[in-house]
Amino acid sequence: MHAVEIVHLIHGHGIKADGCLSFSDECVPLAALINETLGTKGPSFKAMMTANSKSITQNVLSMRGADLSQWPRTDMYSTKAIHLTTEMDCDKLPDGFRFPAMLKLDNGAGSTGACVIENKVDIK
């Protein structure tokens, strides 16, 4: 909805835009949607939402296992992320889940809101 409104404003002012970019992590998906709406070049909204999600990115890195000389073995340096959306998800942790663990927001810059959790009570 915001992307469509922004494009309407651009066209309403007679501006011919060559594209849209953002320097803020929170706005990158919106910039991608604006590019798609304008029909300009740039990364897709789907790609930006994937890149913006720490858990999806982490899980992609943890699955990478084949040896290619130009691509390092990322699975050796990353662990699988578990995406929690509700408090009830905390009761469905996979077998073998070990503490301590790191709890982080799924998107956003830096380590805002990150904390070490020692047990299931800490997660909730």
PDB file of N, CA and C in Angstrom:
ATOM      1  N   MET A   1       0.819  -1.186   0.000  1.00  0.00           N
ATOM      2  CA  MET A   1       0.000   0.000   0.000  1.00  0.00           C
ATOM      3  C   MET A   1       0.872   1.263   0.000  1.00  0.00           C
ATOM      4  N   HIS A   2       1.929   1.268   0.824  1.00  0.00           N
ATOM      5  CA  HIS A   2       2.811   2.436   0.879  1.00  0.00           C
ATOM      6  C   HIS A   2       3.559   2.628  -0.442  1.00  0.00           C
ATOM      7  N   ALA A   3       4.014   1.519  -1.031  1.00  0.00           N
ATOM      8  CA  ALA A   3       4.746   1.623  -2.299  1.00  0.00           C
ATOM      9  C   ALA A   3       3.857   2.226  -3.384  1.00  0.00           C
ATOM     10  N   VAL A   4       2.625   1.769  -3.454  1.00  0.00           N
ATOM     11  CA  VAL A   4       1.686   2.288  -4.463  1.00  0.00           C
ATOM     12  C   VAL A   4       1.432   3.771  -4.232  1.00  0.00           C
ATOM     13  N   GLU A   5       1.250   4.170  -2.993  1.00  0.00           N
ATOM     14  CA  GLU A   5       1.009   5.577  -2.672  1.00  0.00           C
ATOM     15  C   GLU A   5       2.223   6.446  -3.025  1.00  0.00           C
ATOM     16  N   ILE A   6       3.414   5.952  -2.736  1.00  0.00           N
ATOM     17  CA  ILE A   6       4.630   6.702  -3.066  1.00  0.00           C
ATOM     18  C   ILE A   6       4.760   6.879  -4.576  1.00  0.00           C
ATOM     19  N   VAL A   7       4.485   5.809  -5.332  1.00  0.00           N
ATOM     20  CA  VAL A   7       4.553   5.899  -6.796  1.00  0.00           C
ATOM     21  C   VAL A   7       3.509   6.875  -7.321  1.00  0.00           C
ATOM     22  N   HIS A   8       2.304   6.869  -6.739  1.00  0.00           N
ATOM     23  CA  HIS A   8       1.270   7.851  -7.127  1.00  0.00           C
ATOM     24  C   HIS A   8       1.746   9.275  -6.870  1.00  0.00           C
ATOM     25  N   LEU A   9       2.393   9.497  -5.742  1.00  0.00           N
ATOM     26  CA  LEU A   9       2.920  10.826  -5.434  1.00  0.00           C
ATOM     27  C   LEU A   9       4.013  11.235  -6.428  1.00  0.00           C
ATOM     28  N   ILE A  10       4.890  10.308  -6.753  1.00  0.00           N
ATOM     29  CA  ILE A  10       5.957  10.594  -7.719  1.00  0.00           C
ATOM     30  C   ILE A  10       5.360  10.984  -9.064  1.00  0.00           C
ATOM     31  N   HIS A  11       4.447  10.159  -9.547  1.00  0.00           N
ATOM     32  CA  HIS A  11       3.825  10.443 -10.846  1.00  0.00           C
ATOM     33  C   HIS A  11       2.961  11.703 -10.783  1.00  0.00           C
ATOM     34  N   GLY A  12       2.307  11.938  -9.650  1.00  0.00           N
ATOM     35  CA  GLY A  12       1.462  13.117  -9.482  1.00  0.00           C
ATOM     36  C   GLY A  12       2.243  14.423  -9.563  1.00  0.00           C
ATOM     37  N   HIS A  13       3.515  14.357  -9.207  1.00  0.00           N
ATOM     38  CA  HIS A  13       4.370  15.544  -9.279  1.00  0.00           C
ATOM     39  C   HIS A  13       5.154  15.609 -10.593  1.00  0.00           C
ATOM     40  N   GLY A  14       4.840  14.688 -11.511  1.00  0.00           N
ATOM     41  CA  GLY A  14       5.496  14.694 -12.807  1.00  0.00           C
ATOM     42  C   GLY A  14       6.959  14.274 -12.767  1.00  0.00           C
ATOM     43  N   ILE A  15       7.340  13.545 -11.749  1.00  0.00           N
ATOM     44  CA  ILE A  15       8.731  13.103 -11.605  1.00  0.00           C
ATOM     45  C   ILE A  15       8.908  11.771 -12.328  1.00  0.00           C
ATOM     46  N   LYS A  16       9.984  11.669 -13.108  1.00  0.00           N
ATOM     47  CA  LYS A  16      10.336  10.402 -13.742  1.00  0.00           C
ATOM     48  C   LYS A  16      11.473   9.799 -12.923  1.00  0.00           C
ATOM     49  N   ALA A  17      11.155   8.766 -12.194  1.00  0.00           N
ATOM     50  CA  ALA A  17      12.155   8.138 -11.324  1.00  0.00           C
ATOM     51  C   ALA A  17      12.877   7.015 -12.059  1.00  0.00           C
ATOM     52  N   ASP A  18      14.181   6.951 -11.878  1.00  0.00           N
ATOM     53  CA  ASP A  18      14.988   5.879 -12.459  1.00  0.00           C
ATOM     54  C   ASP A  18      15.081   4.678 -11.530  1.00  0.00           C
ATOM     55  N   GLY A  19      14.599   4.841 -10.316  1.00  0.00           N
ATOM     56  CA  GLY A  19      14.656   3.755  -9.357  1.00  0.00           C
ATOM     57  C   GLY A  19      14.577   4.281  -7.942  1.00  0.00           C
ATOM     58  N   CYS A  20      14.691   3.371  -7.006  1.00  0.00           N
ATOM     59  CA  CYS A  20      14.595   3.717  -5.590  1.00  0.00           C
ATOM     60  C   CYS A  20      15.611   2.880  -4.830  1.00  0.00           C
ATOM     61  N   LEU A  21      16.282   3.498  -3.865  1.00  0.00           N
ATOM     62  CA  LEU A  21      17.189   2.758  -3.006  1.00  0.00           C
ATOM     63  C   LEU A  21      17.051   3.270  -1.589  1.00  0.00           C
ATOM     64  N   SER A  22      17.576   2.489  -0.670  1.00  0.00           N
ATOM     65  CA  SER A  22      17.497   2.852   0.735  1.00  0.00           C
ATOM     66  C   SER A  22      18.825   2.539   1.409  1.00  0.00           C
ATOM     67  N   PHE A  23      19.192   3.378   2.359  1.00  0.00           N
ATOM     68  CA  PHE A  23      20.390   3.130   3.144  1.00  0.00           C
ATOM     69  C   PHE A  23      20.039   2.614   4.538  1.00  0.00           C
ATOM     70  N   SER A  24      18.752   2.477   4.811  1.00  0.00           N
ATOM     71  CA  SER A  24      18.292   2.001   6.109  1.00  0.00           C
ATOM     72  C   SER A  24      17.711   0.597   5.954  1.00  0.00           C
ATOM     73  N   ASP A  25      18.180  -0.347   6.769  1.00  0.00           N
ATOM     74  CA  ASP A  25      17.724  -1.742   6.672  1.00  0.00           C
ATOM     75  C   ASP A  25      16.208  -1.869   6.697  1.00  0.00           C
ATOM     76  N   GLU A  26      15.568  -1.075   7.533  1.00  0.00           N
ATOM     77  CA  GLU A  26      14.124  -1.190   7.697  1.00  0.00           C
ATOM     78  C   GLU A  26      13.363  -0.807   6.432  1.00  0.00           C
ATOM     79  N   CYS A  27      13.967  -0.005   5.565  1.00  0.00           N
ATOM     80  CA  CYS A  27      13.284   0.500   4.371  1.00  0.00           C
ATOM     81  C   CYS A  27      13.638  -0.247   3.092  1.00  0.00           C
ATOM     82  N   VAL A  28      14.568  -1.180   3.146  1.00  0.00           N
ATOM     83  CA  VAL A  28      14.998  -1.890   1.939  1.00  0.00           C
ATOM     84  C   VAL A  28      13.848  -2.652   1.275  1.00  0.00           C
ATOM     85  N   PRO A  29      12.999  -3.387   2.023  1.00  0.00           N
ATOM     86  CA  PRO A  29      11.873  -4.060   1.348  1.00  0.00           C
ATOM     87  C   PRO A  29      10.920  -3.067   0.670  1.00  0.00           C
ATOM     88  N   LEU A  30      10.666  -1.926   1.287  1.00  0.00           N
ATOM     89  CA  LEU A  30       9.801  -0.915   0.681  1.00  0.00           C
ATOM     90  C   LEU A  30      10.432  -0.376  -0.603  1.00  0.00           C
ATOM     91  N   ALA A  31      11.725  -0.125  -0.583  1.00  0.00           N
ATOM     92  CA  ALA A  31      12.414   0.353  -1.787  1.00  0.00           C
ATOM     93  C   ALA A  31      12.296  -0.679  -2.911  1.00  0.00           C
ATOM     94  N   ALA A  32      12.397  -1.957  -2.584  1.00  0.00           N
ATOM     95  CA  ALA A  32      12.255  -3.014  -3.592  1.00  0.00           C
ATOM     96  C   ALA A  32      10.844  -3.023  -4.170  1.00  0.00           C
ATOM     97  N   LEU A  33       9.845  -2.843  -3.316  1.00  0.00           N
ATOM     98  CA  LEU A  33       8.451  -2.786  -3.800  1.00  0.00           C
ATOM     99  C   LEU A  33       8.227  -1.576  -4.702  1.00  0.00           C
ATOM    100  N   ILE A  34       8.820  -0.459  -4.352  1.00  0.00           N
ATOM    101  CA  ILE A  34       8.698   0.743  -5.187  1.00  0.00           C
ATOM    102  C   ILE A  34       9.333   0.486  -6.550  1.00  0.00           C
ATOM    103  N   ASN A  35      10.500  -0.145  -6.586  1.00  0.00           N
ATOM    104  CA  ASN A  35      11.135  -0.477  -7.861  1.00  0.00           C
ATOM    105  C   ASN A  35      10.255  -1.405  -8.691  1.00  0.00           C
ATOM    106  N   GLU A  36       9.652  -2.405  -8.050  1.00  0.00           N
ATOM    107  CA  GLU A  36       8.769  -3.312  -8.777  1.00  0.00           C
ATOM    108  C   GLU A  36       7.566  -2.564  -9.329  1.00  0.00           C
ATOM    109  N   THR A  37       7.005  -1.651  -8.543  1.00  0.00           N
ATOM    110  CA  THR A  37       5.840  -0.876  -8.981  1.00  0.00           C
ATOM    111  C   THR A  37       6.204   0.078 -10.111  1.00  0.00           C
ATOM    112  N   LEU A  38       7.393   0.685 -10.017  1.00  0.00           N
ATOM    113  CA  LEU A  38       7.857   1.590 -11.068  1.00  0.00           C
ATOM    114  C   LEU A  38       8.323   0.837 -12.315  1.00  0.00           C
ATOM    115  N   GLY A  39       8.654  -0.445 -12.153  1.00  0.00           N
ATOM    116  CA  GLY A  39       9.207  -1.211 -13.260  1.00  0.00           C
ATOM    117  C   GLY A  39      10.672  -0.910 -13.506  1.00  0.00           C
ATOM    118  N   THR A  40      11.352  -0.437 -12.470  1.00  0.00           N
ATOM    119  CA  THR A  40      12.777  -0.106 -12.589  1.00  0.00           C
ATOM    120  C   THR A  40      13.629  -1.264 -12.078  1.00  0.00           C
ATOM    121  N   LYS A  41      14.913  -1.220 -12.406  1.00  0.00           N
ATOM    122  CA  LYS A  41      15.826  -2.285 -12.006  1.00  0.00           C
ATOM    123  C   LYS A  41      16.102  -2.217 -10.511  1.00  0.00           C
ATOM    124  N   GLY A  42      16.343  -3.377  -9.955  1.00  0.00           N
ATOM    125  CA  GLY A  42      16.689  -3.467  -8.548  1.00  0.00           C
ATOM    126  C   GLY A  42      16.350  -4.837  -8.028  1.00  0.00           C
ATOM    127  N   PRO A  43      16.763  -5.132  -6.830  1.00  0.00           N
ATOM    128  CA  PRO A  43      16.465  -6.445  -6.251  1.00  0.00           C
ATOM    129  C   PRO A  43      14.961  -6.604  -6.031  1.00  0.00           C
ATOM    130  N   SER A  44      14.500  -7.833  -6.105  1.00  0.00           N
ATOM    131  CA  SER A  44      13.068  -8.097  -5.934  1.00  0.00           C
ATOM    132  C   SER A  44      12.665  -7.979  -4.465  1.00  0.00           C
ATOM    133  N   PHE A  45      11.387  -7.759  -4.249  1.00  0.00           N
ATOM    134  CA  PHE A  45      10.853  -7.697  -2.896  1.00  0.00           C
ATOM    135  C   PHE A  45      11.103  -9.021  -2.169  1.00  0.00           C
ATOM    136  N   LYS A  46      10.887 -10.140  -2.869  1.00  0.00           N
ATOM    137  CA  LYS A  46      11.100 -11.453  -2.250  1.00  0.00           C
ATOM    138  C   LYS A  46      12.550 -11.612  -1.802  1.00  0.00           C
ATOM    139  N   ALA A  47      13.488 -11.193  -2.658  1.00  0.00           N
ATOM    140  CA  ALA A  47      14.905 -11.298  -2.302  1.00  0.00           C
ATOM    141  C   ALA A  47      15.230 -10.419  -1.101  1.00  0.00           C
ATOM    142  N   MET A  48      14.675  -9.235  -1.062  1.00  0.00           N
ATOM    143  CA  MET A  48      14.964  -8.319   0.042  1.00  0.00           C
ATOM    144  C   MET A  48      14.341  -8.799   1.348  1.00  0.00           C
ATOM    145  N   MET A  49      13.157  -9.398   1.288  1.00  0.00           N
ATOM    146  CA  MET A  49      12.552  -9.942   2.506  1.00  0.00           C
ATOM    147  C   MET A  49      13.371 -11.125   3.017  1.00  0.00           C
ATOM    148  N   THR A  50      13.906 -11.926   2.116  1.00  0.00           N
ATOM    149  CA  THR A  50      14.756 -13.045   2.514  1.00  0.00           C
ATOM    150  C   THR A  50      16.044 -12.528   3.146  1.00  0.00           C
ATOM    151  N   ALA A  51      16.680 -11.571   2.500  1.00  0.00           N
ATOM    152  CA  ALA A  51      17.929 -11.013   3.020  1.00  0.00           C
ATOM    153  C   ALA A  51      17.701 -10.262   4.330  1.00  0.00           C
ATOM    154  N   ASN A  52      16.516  -9.683   4.500  1.00  0.00           N
ATOM    155  CA  ASN A  52      16.190  -8.910   5.690  1.00  0.00           C
ATOM    156  C   ASN A  52      15.913  -9.808   6.895  1.00  0.00           C
ATOM    157  N   SER A  53      15.638 -11.081   6.649  1.00  0.00           N
ATOM    158  CA  SER A  53      15.327 -12.011   7.730  1.00  0.00           C
ATOM    159  C   SER A  53      16.597 -12.711   8.199  1.00  0.00           C
ATOM    160  N   LYS A  54      16.981 -12.461   9.437  1.00  0.00           N
ATOM    161  CA  LYS A  54      18.183 -13.095   9.982  1.00  0.00           C
ATOM    162  C   LYS A  54      18.030 -14.607  10.054  1.00  0.00           C
ATOM    163  N   SER A  55      16.836 -15.095  10.415  1.00  0.00           N
ATOM    164  CA  SER A  55      16.661 -16.537  10.567  1.00  0.00           C
ATOM    165  C   SER A  55      16.724 -17.252   9.227  1.00  0.00           C
ATOM    166  N   ILE A  56      16.133 -16.691   8.179  1.00  0.00           N
ATOM    167  CA  ILE A  56      16.198 -17.322   6.858  1.00  0.00           C
ATOM    168  C   ILE A  56      17.640 -17.316   6.358  1.00  0.00           C
ATOM    169  N   THR A  57      18.313 -16.180   6.478  1.00  0.00           N
ATOM    170  CA  THR A  57      19.700 -16.087   6.033  1.00  0.00           C
ATOM    171  C   THR A  57      20.573 -17.074   6.802  1.00  0.00           C
ATOM    172  N   GLN A  58      20.408 -17.139   8.111  1.00  0.00           N
ATOM    173  CA  GLN A  58      21.194 -18.057   8.943  1.00  0.00           C
ATOM    174  C   GLN A  58      20.961 -19.501   8.530  1.00  0.00           C
ATOM    175  N   ASN A  59      19.710 -19.869   8.265  1.00  0.00           N
ATOM    176  CA  ASN A  59      19.414 -21.245   7.889  1.00  0.00           C
ATOM    177  C   ASN A  59      19.961 -21.589   6.505  1.00  0.00           C
ATOM    178  N   VAL A  60      19.948 -20.644   5.589  1.00  0.00           N
ATOM    179  CA  VAL A  60      20.555 -20.876   4.276  1.00  0.00           C
ATOM    180  C   VAL A  60      22.055 -21.131   4.447  1.00  0.00           C
ATOM    181  N   LEU A  61      22.707 -20.310   5.268  1.00  0.00           N
ATOM    182  CA  LEU A  61      24.141 -20.489   5.500  1.00  0.00           C
ATOM    183  C   LEU A  61      24.451 -21.819   6.180  1.00  0.00           C
ATOM    184  N   SER A  62      23.584 -22.262   7.097  1.00  0.00           N
ATOM    185  CA  SER A  62      23.855 -23.503   7.821  1.00  0.00           C
ATOM    186  C   SER A  62      23.645 -24.734   6.957  1.00  0.00           C
ATOM    187  N   MET A  63      22.902 -24.609   5.858  1.00  0.00           N
ATOM    188  CA  MET A  63      22.666 -25.755   4.979  1.00  0.00           C
ATOM    189  C   MET A  63      23.749 -25.906   3.923  1.00  0.00           C
ATOM    190  N   ARG A  64      24.545 -24.901   3.700  1.00  0.00           N
ATOM    191  CA  ARG A  64      25.545 -24.901   2.640  1.00  0.00           C
ATOM    192  C   ARG A  64      26.663 -25.860   3.004  1.00  0.00           C
ATOM    193  N   GLY A  65      26.843 -26.922   2.225  1.00  0.00           N
ATOM    194  CA  GLY A  65      27.840 -27.900   2.600  1.00  0.00           C
ATOM    195  C   GLY A  65      28.782 -28.338   1.499  1.00  0.00           C
ATOM    196  N   ALA A  66      28.441 -28.143   0.232  1.00  0.00           N
ATOM    197  CA  ALA A  66      29.285 -28.620  -0.866  1.00  0.00           C
ATOM    198  C   ALA A  66      30.578 -27.814  -0.951  1.00  0.00           C
ATOM    199  N   ASP A  67      31.624 -28.467  -1.375  1.00  0.00           N
ATOM    200  CA  ASP A  67      32.911 -27.783  -1.522  1.00  0.00           C
ATOM    201  C   ASP A  67      33.036 -27.151  -2.896  1.00  0.00           C
ATOM    202  N   LEU A  68      33.092 -25.855  -2.947  1.00  0.00           N
ATOM    203  CA  LEU A  68      33.396 -25.096  -4.153  1.00  0.00           C
ATOM    204  C   LEU A  68      34.499 -24.129  -3.765  1.00  0.00           C
ATOM    205  N   SER A  69      35.553 -24.090  -4.529  1.00  0.00           N
ATOM    206  CA  SER A  69      36.707 -23.276  -4.137  1.00  0.00           C
ATOM    207  C   SER A  69      36.362 -21.800  -3.988  1.00  0.00           C
ATOM    208  N   GLN A  70      35.400 -21.325  -4.773  1.00  0.00           N
ATOM    209  CA  GLN A  70      35.052 -19.904  -4.709  1.00  0.00           C
ATOM    210  C   GLN A  70      33.975 -19.606  -3.654  1.00  0.00           C
ATOM    211  N   TRP A  71      33.488 -20.628  -2.965  1.00  0.00           N
ATOM    212  CA  TRP A  71      32.418 -20.438  -1.994  1.00  0.00           C
ATOM    213  C   TRP A  71      32.780 -21.175  -0.707  1.00  0.00           C
ATOM    214  N   PRO A  72      33.071 -20.455   0.373  1.00  0.00           N
ATOM    215  CA  PRO A  72      33.507 -21.115   1.605  1.00  0.00           C
ATOM    216  C   PRO A  72      32.409 -21.972   2.232  1.00  0.00           C
ATOM    217  N   ARG A  73      32.814 -22.897   3.059  1.00  0.00           N
ATOM    218  CA  ARG A  73      31.900 -23.818   3.747  1.00  0.00           C
ATOM    219  C   ARG A  73      31.207 -23.077   4.891  1.00  0.00           C
ATOM    220  N   THR A  74      30.133 -22.384   4.590  1.00  0.00           N
ATOM    221  CA  THR A  74      29.434 -21.595   5.602  1.00  0.00           C
ATOM    222  C   THR A  74      28.786 -22.463   6.672  1.00  0.00           C
ATOM    223  N   ASP A  75      28.475 -23.722   6.342  1.00  0.00           N
ATOM    224  CA  ASP A  75      27.854 -24.604   7.329  1.00  0.00           C
ATOM    225  C   ASP A  75      28.771 -24.885   8.511  1.00  0.00           C
ATOM    226  N   MET A  76      30.072 -24.718   8.322  1.00  0.00           N
ATOM    227  CA  MET A  76      31.022 -24.962   9.399  1.00  0.00           C
ATOM    228  C   MET A  76      31.014 -23.840  10.442  1.00  0.00           C
ATOM    229  N   TYR A  77      30.466 -22.681  10.087  1.00  0.00           N
ATOM    230  CA  TYR A  77      30.548 -21.506  10.954  1.00  0.00           C
ATOM    231  C   TYR A  77      29.187 -20.958  11.374  1.00  0.00           C
ATOM    232  N   SER A  78      28.122 -21.683  11.055  1.00  0.00           N
ATOM    233  CA  SER A  78      26.792 -21.178  11.401  1.00  0.00           C
ATOM    234  C   SER A  78      25.943 -22.295  11.993  1.00  0.00           C
ATOM    235  N   THR A  79      24.980 -21.896  12.779  1.00  0.00           N
ATOM    236  CA  THR A  79      24.057 -22.858  13.384  1.00  0.00           C
ATOM    237  C   THR A  79      22.653 -22.585  12.863  1.00  0.00           C
ATOM    238  N   LYS A  80      21.790 -23.564  12.989  1.00  0.00           N
ATOM    239  CA  LYS A  80      20.421 -23.413  12.523  1.00  0.00           C
ATOM    240  C   LYS A  80      19.671 -22.451  13.444  1.00  0.00           C
ATOM    241  N   ALA A  81      18.900 -21.563  12.832  1.00  0.00           N
ATOM    242  CA  ALA A  81      18.087 -20.620  13.594  1.00  0.00           C
ATOM    243  C   ALA A  81      16.678 -21.180  13.740  1.00  0.00           C
ATOM    244  N   ILE A  82      16.064 -20.888  14.840  1.00  0.00           N
ATOM    245  CA  ILE A  82      14.683 -21.294  15.085  1.00  0.00           C
ATOM    246  C   ILE A  82      13.848 -20.028  15.140  1.00  0.00           C
ATOM    247  N   HIS A  83      12.835 -19.965  14.297  1.00  0.00           N
ATOM    248  CA  HIS A  83      11.990 -18.772  14.201  1.00  0.00           C
ATOM    249  C   HIS A  83      10.812 -18.918  15.176  1.00  0.00           C
ATOM    250  N   LEU A  84      10.750 -18.042  16.162  1.00  0.00           N
ATOM    251  CA  LEU A  84       9.663 -18.036  17.138  1.00  0.00           C
ATOM    252  C   LEU A  84       8.766 -16.839  16.867  1.00  0.00           C
ATOM    253  N   THR A  85       7.463 -17.078  16.762  1.00  0.00           N
ATOM    254  CA  THR A  85       6.542 -15.960  16.530  1.00  0.00           C
ATOM    255  C   THR A  85       5.578 -15.746  17.691  1.00  0.00           C
ATOM    256  N   THR A  86       5.354 -16.782  18.480  1.00  0.00           N
ATOM    257  CA  THR A  86       4.469 -16.653  19.637  1.00  0.00           C
ATOM    258  C   THR A  86       5.122 -17.324  20.841  1.00  0.00           C
ATOM    259  N   GLU A  87       4.608 -17.033  22.005  1.00  0.00           N
ATOM    260  CA  GLU A  87       5.117 -17.651  23.229  1.00  0.00           C
ATOM    261  C   GLU A  87       4.952 -19.168  23.186  1.00  0.00           C
ATOM    262  N   MET A  88       3.886 -19.628  22.518  1.00  0.00           N
ATOM    263  CA  MET A  88       3.632 -21.072  22.439  1.00  0.00           C
ATOM    264  C   MET A  88       4.705 -21.788  21.615  1.00  0.00           C
ATOM    265  N   ASP A  89       5.370 -21.077  20.692  1.00  0.00           N
ATOM    266  CA  ASP A  89       6.455 -21.683  19.915  1.00  0.00           C
ATOM    267  C   ASP A  89       7.590 -22.137  20.808  1.00  0.00           C
ATOM    268  N   CYS A  90       7.739 -21.514  21.963  1.00  0.00           N
ATOM    269  CA  CYS A  90       8.823 -21.851  22.888  1.00  0.00           C
ATOM    270  C   CYS A  90       8.681 -23.276  23.413  1.00  0.00           C
ATOM    271  N   ASP A  91       7.459 -23.805  23.428  1.00  0.00           N
ATOM    272  CA  ASP A  91       7.225 -25.159  23.913  1.00  0.00           C
ATOM    273  C   ASP A  91       7.487 -26.203  22.829  1.00  0.00           C
ATOM    274  N   LYS A  92       7.795 -25.762  21.609  1.00  0.00           N
ATOM    275  CA  LYS A  92       7.995 -26.678  20.481  1.00  0.00           C
ATOM    276  C   LYS A  92       9.439 -26.685  19.999  1.00  0.00           C
ATOM    277  N   LEU A  93      10.382 -26.424  20.878  1.00  0.00           N
ATOM    278  CA  LEU A  93      11.791 -26.435  20.480  1.00  0.00           C
ATOM    279  C   LEU A  93      12.177 -27.850  20.061  1.00  0.00           C
ATOM    280  N   PRO A  94      13.021 -27.983  19.046  1.00  0.00           N
ATOM    281  CA  PRO A  94      13.385 -29.317  18.554  1.00  0.00           C
ATOM    282  C   PRO A  94      14.195 -30.107  19.573  1.00  0.00           C
ATOM    283  N   ASP A  95      14.137 -31.429  19.437  1.00  0.00           N
ATOM    284  CA  ASP A  95      14.949 -32.295  20.294  1.00  0.00           C
ATOM    285  C   ASP A  95      16.412 -31.934  20.102  1.00  0.00           C
ATOM    286  N   GLY A  96      17.144 -31.933  21.157  1.00  0.00           N
ATOM    287  CA  GLY A  96      18.561 -31.613  21.076  1.00  0.00           C
ATOM    288  C   GLY A  96      18.862 -30.128  21.192  1.00  0.00           C
ATOM    289  N   PHE A  97      17.819 -29.297  21.346  1.00  0.00           N
ATOM    290  CA  PHE A  97      18.060 -27.860  21.513  1.00  0.00           C
ATOM    291  C   PHE A  97      18.828 -27.664  22.810  1.00  0.00           C
ATOM    292  N   ARG A  98      19.911 -26.893  22.738  1.00  0.00           N
ATOM    293  CA  ARG A  98      20.776 -26.730  23.898  1.00  0.00           C
ATOM    294  C   ARG A  98      20.842 -25.273  24.336  1.00  0.00           C
ATOM    295  N   PHE A  99      21.001 -25.096  25.616  1.00  0.00           N
ATOM    296  CA  PHE A  99      21.195 -23.784  26.209  1.00  0.00           C
ATOM    297  C   PHE A  99      22.638 -23.681  26.669  1.00  0.00           C
ATOM    298  N   PRO A 100      23.228 -22.506  26.775  1.00  0.00           N
ATOM    299  CA  PRO A 100      22.617 -21.209  26.498  1.00  0.00           C
ATOM    300  C   PRO A 100      22.425 -20.997  24.996  1.00  0.00           C
ATOM    301  N   ALA A 101      21.549 -20.065  24.663  1.00  0.00           N
ATOM    302  CA  ALA A 101      21.263 -19.722  23.270  1.00  0.00           C
ATOM    303  C   ALA A 101      21.134 -18.205  23.160  1.00  0.00           C
ATOM    304  N   MET A 102      21.109 -17.723  21.935  1.00  0.00           N
ATOM    305  CA  MET A 102      20.975 -16.288  21.680  1.00  0.00           C
ATOM    306  C   MET A 102      19.578 -16.019  21.141  1.00  0.00           C
ATOM    307  N   LEU A 103      18.895 -15.057  21.725  1.00  0.00           N
ATOM    308  CA  LEU A 103      17.572 -14.651  21.268  1.00  0.00           C
ATOM    309  C   LEU A 103      17.711 -13.272  20.643  1.00  0.00           C
ATOM    310  N   LYS A 104      17.309 -13.160  19.348  1.00  0.00           N
ATOM    311  CA  LYS A 104      17.450 -11.894  18.620  1.00  0.00           C
ATOM    312  C   LYS A 104      16.173 -11.621  17.844  1.00  0.00           C
ATOM    313  N   LEU A 105      15.933 -10.351  17.584  1.00  0.00           N
ATOM    314  CA  LEU A 105      14.861  -9.991  16.666  1.00  0.00           C
ATOM    315  C   LEU A 105      15.226 -10.525  15.291  1.00  0.00           C
ATOM    316  N   ASP A 106      14.222 -10.882  14.477  1.00  0.00           N
ATOM    317  CA  ASP A 106      14.502 -11.497  13.179  1.00  0.00           C
ATOM    318  C   ASP A 106      15.000 -10.500  12.145  1.00  0.00           C
ATOM    319  N   ASN A 107      14.650  -9.231  12.285  1.00  0.00           N
ATOM    320  CA  ASN A 107      15.169  -8.249  11.337  1.00  0.00           C
ATOM    321  C   ASN A 107      15.530  -6.981  12.093  1.00  0.00           C
ATOM    322  N   GLY A 108      16.176  -6.090  11.393  1.00  0.00           N
ATOM    323  CA  GLY A 108      16.675  -4.880  12.023  1.00  0.00           C
ATOM    324  C   GLY A 108      18.187  -4.915  12.080  1.00  0.00           C
ATOM    325  N   ALA A 109      18.758  -3.787  12.325  1.00  0.00           N
ATOM    326  CA  ALA A 109      20.209  -3.659  12.286  1.00  0.00           C
ATOM    327  C   ALA A 109      20.832  -3.919  13.649  1.00  0.00           C
ATOM    328  N   GLY A 110      22.039  -4.416  13.614  1.00  0.00           N
ATOM    329  CA  GLY A 110      22.813  -4.585  14.838  1.00  0.00           C
ATOM    330  C   GLY A 110      22.237  -5.625  15.775  1.00  0.00           C
ATOM    331  N   SER A 111      22.505  -5.439  17.035  1.00  0.00           N
ATOM    332  CA  SER A 111      22.090  -6.429  18.030  1.00  0.00           C
ATOM    333  C   SER A 111      21.007  -5.886  18.958  1.00  0.00           C
ATOM    334  N   THR A 112      20.218  -4.946  18.465  1.00  0.00           N
ATOM    335  CA  THR A 112      19.144  -4.385  19.278  1.00  0.00           C
ATOM    336  C   THR A 112      18.219  -5.492  19.755  1.00  0.00           C
ATOM    337  N   GLY A 113      18.005  -5.565  21.037  1.00  0.00           N
ATOM    338  CA  GLY A 113      17.096  -6.550  21.612  1.00  0.00           C
ATOM    339  C   GLY A 113      17.693  -7.922  21.807  1.00  0.00           C
ATOM    340  N   ALA A 114      18.956  -8.135  21.470  1.00  0.00           N
ATOM    341  CA  ALA A 114      19.576  -9.454  21.610  1.00  0.00           C
ATOM    342  C   ALA A 114      19.867  -9.756  23.072  1.00  0.00           C
ATOM    343  N   CYS A 115      19.676 -11.021  23.448  1.00  0.00           N
ATOM    344  CA  CYS A 115      20.002 -11.423  24.812  1.00  0.00           C
ATOM    345  C   CYS A 115      20.328 -12.911  24.861  1.00  0.00           C
ATOM    346  N   VAL A 116      21.114 -13.293  25.838  1.00  0.00           N
ATOM    347  CA  VAL A 116      21.443 -14.694  26.064  1.00  0.00           C
ATOM    348  C   VAL A 116      20.337 -15.291  26.917  1.00  0.00           C
ATOM    349  N   ILE A 117      19.888 -16.491  26.513  1.00  0.00           N
ATOM    350  CA  ILE A 117      18.854 -17.181  27.295  1.00  0.00           C
ATOM    351  C   ILE A 117      19.462 -18.469  27.840  1.00  0.00           C
ATOM    352  N   GLU A 118      19.148 -18.747  29.091  1.00  0.00           N
ATOM    353  CA  GLU A 118      19.729 -19.907  29.765  1.00  0.00           C
ATOM    354  C   GLU A 118      18.787 -21.095  29.817  1.00  0.00           C
ATOM    355  N   ASN A 119      17.468 -20.851  29.646  1.00  0.00           N
ATOM    356  CA  ASN A 119      16.489 -21.926  29.768  1.00  0.00           C
ATOM    357  C   ASN A 119      15.157 -21.510  29.113  1.00  0.00           C
ATOM    358  N   LYS A 120      14.171 -22.417  29.113  1.00  0.00           N
ATOM    359  CA  LYS A 120      12.887 -22.123  28.475  1.00  0.00           C
ATOM    360  C   LYS A 120      12.134 -20.978  29.166  1.00  0.00           C
ATOM    361  N   VAL A 121      12.342 -20.831  30.449  1.00  0.00           N
ATOM    362  CA  VAL A 121      11.700 -19.727  31.183  1.00  0.00           C
ATOM    363  C   VAL A 121      12.212 -18.394  30.649  1.00  0.00           C
ATOM    364  N   ASP A 122      13.511 -18.285  30.390  1.00  0.00           N
ATOM    365  CA  ASP A 122      14.098 -17.053  29.844  1.00  0.00           C
ATOM    366  C   ASP A 122      13.494 -16.705  28.492  1.00  0.00           C
ATOM    367  N   ILE A 123      13.227 -17.710  27.658  1.00  0.00           N
ATOM    368  CA  ILE A 123      12.670 -17.441  26.332  1.00  0.00           C
ATOM    369  C   ILE A 123      11.312 -16.770  26.463  1.00  0.00           C
ATOM    370  N   LYS A 124      10.480 -17.317  27.302  1.00  0.00           N
ATOM    371  CA  LYS A 124       9.124 -16.762  27.470  1.00  0.00           C
ATOM    372  C   LYS A 124       9.166 -15.393  28.078  1.00  0.00           C
TER     373      LYS A 124
END
